[in-house]
Protein backbone atom coordinates (compact mmCIF):
# COMPACT_ATOMS: atom_id res chain seq x y z
CA UNK A 1 17.62 168.48 175.13
CA UNK A 2 16.53 167.69 171.61
CA UNK A 3 18.86 167.50 168.69
CA UNK A 4 17.68 167.87 165.16
CA UNK A 5 18.63 165.05 162.92
CA UNK A 6 20.26 166.11 159.71
CA UNK A 7 18.72 164.66 156.60
CA UNK A 8 20.83 162.21 154.70
CA UNK A 9 23.10 164.11 152.44
CA UNK A 10 24.18 162.56 149.17
CA UNK A 11 27.48 163.74 147.86
CA UNK A 12 27.74 165.04 144.33
CA UNK A 13 30.39 162.37 143.67
CA UNK A 14 27.92 159.66 144.62
CA UNK A 15 25.20 161.24 142.49
CA UNK A 16 27.53 161.52 139.53
CA UNK A 17 28.58 157.90 139.95
CA UNK A 18 24.96 156.73 139.92
CA UNK A 19 24.22 158.90 136.89
CA UNK A 20 27.21 157.44 135.04
CA UNK A 21 26.12 153.90 135.88
CA UNK A 22 22.60 154.67 134.67
CA UNK A 23 23.99 156.18 131.46
CA UNK A 24 26.05 153.03 130.86
CA UNK A 25 23.07 150.76 131.50
CA UNK A 26 20.91 152.79 129.12
CA UNK A 27 23.65 152.72 126.49
CA UNK A 28 23.94 148.94 126.79
CA UNK A 29 20.16 148.55 126.62
CA UNK A 30 20.13 150.60 123.40
CA UNK A 31 22.84 148.33 121.94
CA UNK A 32 20.90 145.18 122.86
CA UNK A 33 17.71 146.59 121.34
CA UNK A 34 19.54 147.50 118.10
CA UNK A 35 21.09 144.01 117.94
CA UNK A 36 17.69 142.42 118.50
CA UNK A 37 16.03 144.45 115.74
CA UNK A 38 18.94 143.71 113.39
CA UNK A 39 18.75 139.96 114.07
CA UNK A 40 14.97 139.93 113.50
CA UNK A 41 15.50 141.69 110.16
CA UNK A 42 18.21 139.19 109.20
CA UNK A 43 15.96 136.24 110.00
CA UNK A 44 13.12 137.81 108.04
CA UNK A 45 15.41 138.34 105.03
CA UNK A 46 16.90 134.83 105.11
CA UNK A 47 13.52 133.11 105.33
CA UNK A 48 11.62 135.36 102.91
CA UNK A 49 10.24 133.33 100.02
CA UNK A 50 12.11 130.19 101.05
CA UNK A 51 10.67 126.83 101.86
CA UNK A 52 11.22 125.44 105.35
CA UNK A 53 11.96 122.03 103.81
CA UNK A 54 15.42 120.65 103.09
CA UNK A 55 16.41 120.16 99.43
CA UNK A 56 16.17 116.37 99.91
CA UNK A 57 12.47 116.74 100.62
CA UNK A 58 11.82 119.36 97.96
CA UNK A 59 13.51 117.24 95.28
CA UNK A 60 11.18 114.26 95.79
CA UNK A 61 8.39 114.09 93.21
CA UNK A 62 4.81 114.09 94.41
CA UNK A 63 3.02 110.95 93.18
CA UNK A 64 0.31 111.68 90.62
CA UNK A 65 -2.17 109.69 92.72
CA UNK A 66 -1.55 111.85 95.80
CA UNK A 67 -4.59 113.68 97.17
CA UNK A 68 -4.56 115.96 100.16
CA UNK A 69 -6.56 114.51 103.04
CA UNK A 70 -9.70 116.34 104.05
CA UNK A 71 -9.29 117.01 107.73
CA UNK A 72 -11.85 118.70 109.92
CA UNK A 73 -10.26 121.39 112.08
CA UNK A 74 -10.61 120.93 115.83
CA UNK A 75 -13.28 123.32 117.11
CA UNK A 76 -13.04 122.52 120.82
CA UNK A 77 -16.51 120.98 121.10
CA UNK A 78 -15.33 117.35 121.17
CA UNK A 79 -12.71 115.29 122.94
CA UNK A 80 -9.25 116.46 121.86
CA UNK A 81 -7.68 113.01 122.32
CA UNK A 82 -10.26 111.46 120.01
CA UNK A 83 -9.67 114.18 117.42
CA UNK A 84 -5.91 113.59 117.51
CA UNK A 85 -6.42 109.82 117.25
CA UNK A 86 -8.68 110.31 114.21
CA UNK A 87 -6.11 112.66 112.68
CA UNK A 88 -3.33 110.11 113.18
CA UNK A 89 -5.45 107.31 111.73
CA UNK A 90 -6.22 109.37 108.65
CA UNK A 91 -2.59 110.46 108.26
CA UNK A 92 -1.46 106.84 108.51
CA UNK A 93 -3.25 106.26 105.21
CA UNK A 94 -1.13 108.97 103.59
CA UNK A 95 2.25 108.54 105.22
CA UNK A 96 3.77 105.44 106.83
CA UNK A 97 5.93 107.67 109.06
CA UNK A 98 2.84 108.83 110.96
CA UNK A 99 2.20 105.36 112.35
């Protein structure tokens, strides 16, 4: 004798519970997205037009004899380590802190 298996039945209470949990998760996700957008806007506003350097650095005068070094950009066709070493050697001429 064969018996027919009844399909799994989900109660409406269970369905409503899952829907409520999903609604809460979506609500929280919306809050997190709003907070993220707000924080990005705040960062953009606080850094707009401002220098990344501390006042102690900005207040130092640039010597009249200072000239920007002419540095070749790395194009990937040579050894990167050699390029960095050449960069450091050239920067050492301009700033003792680079040594």
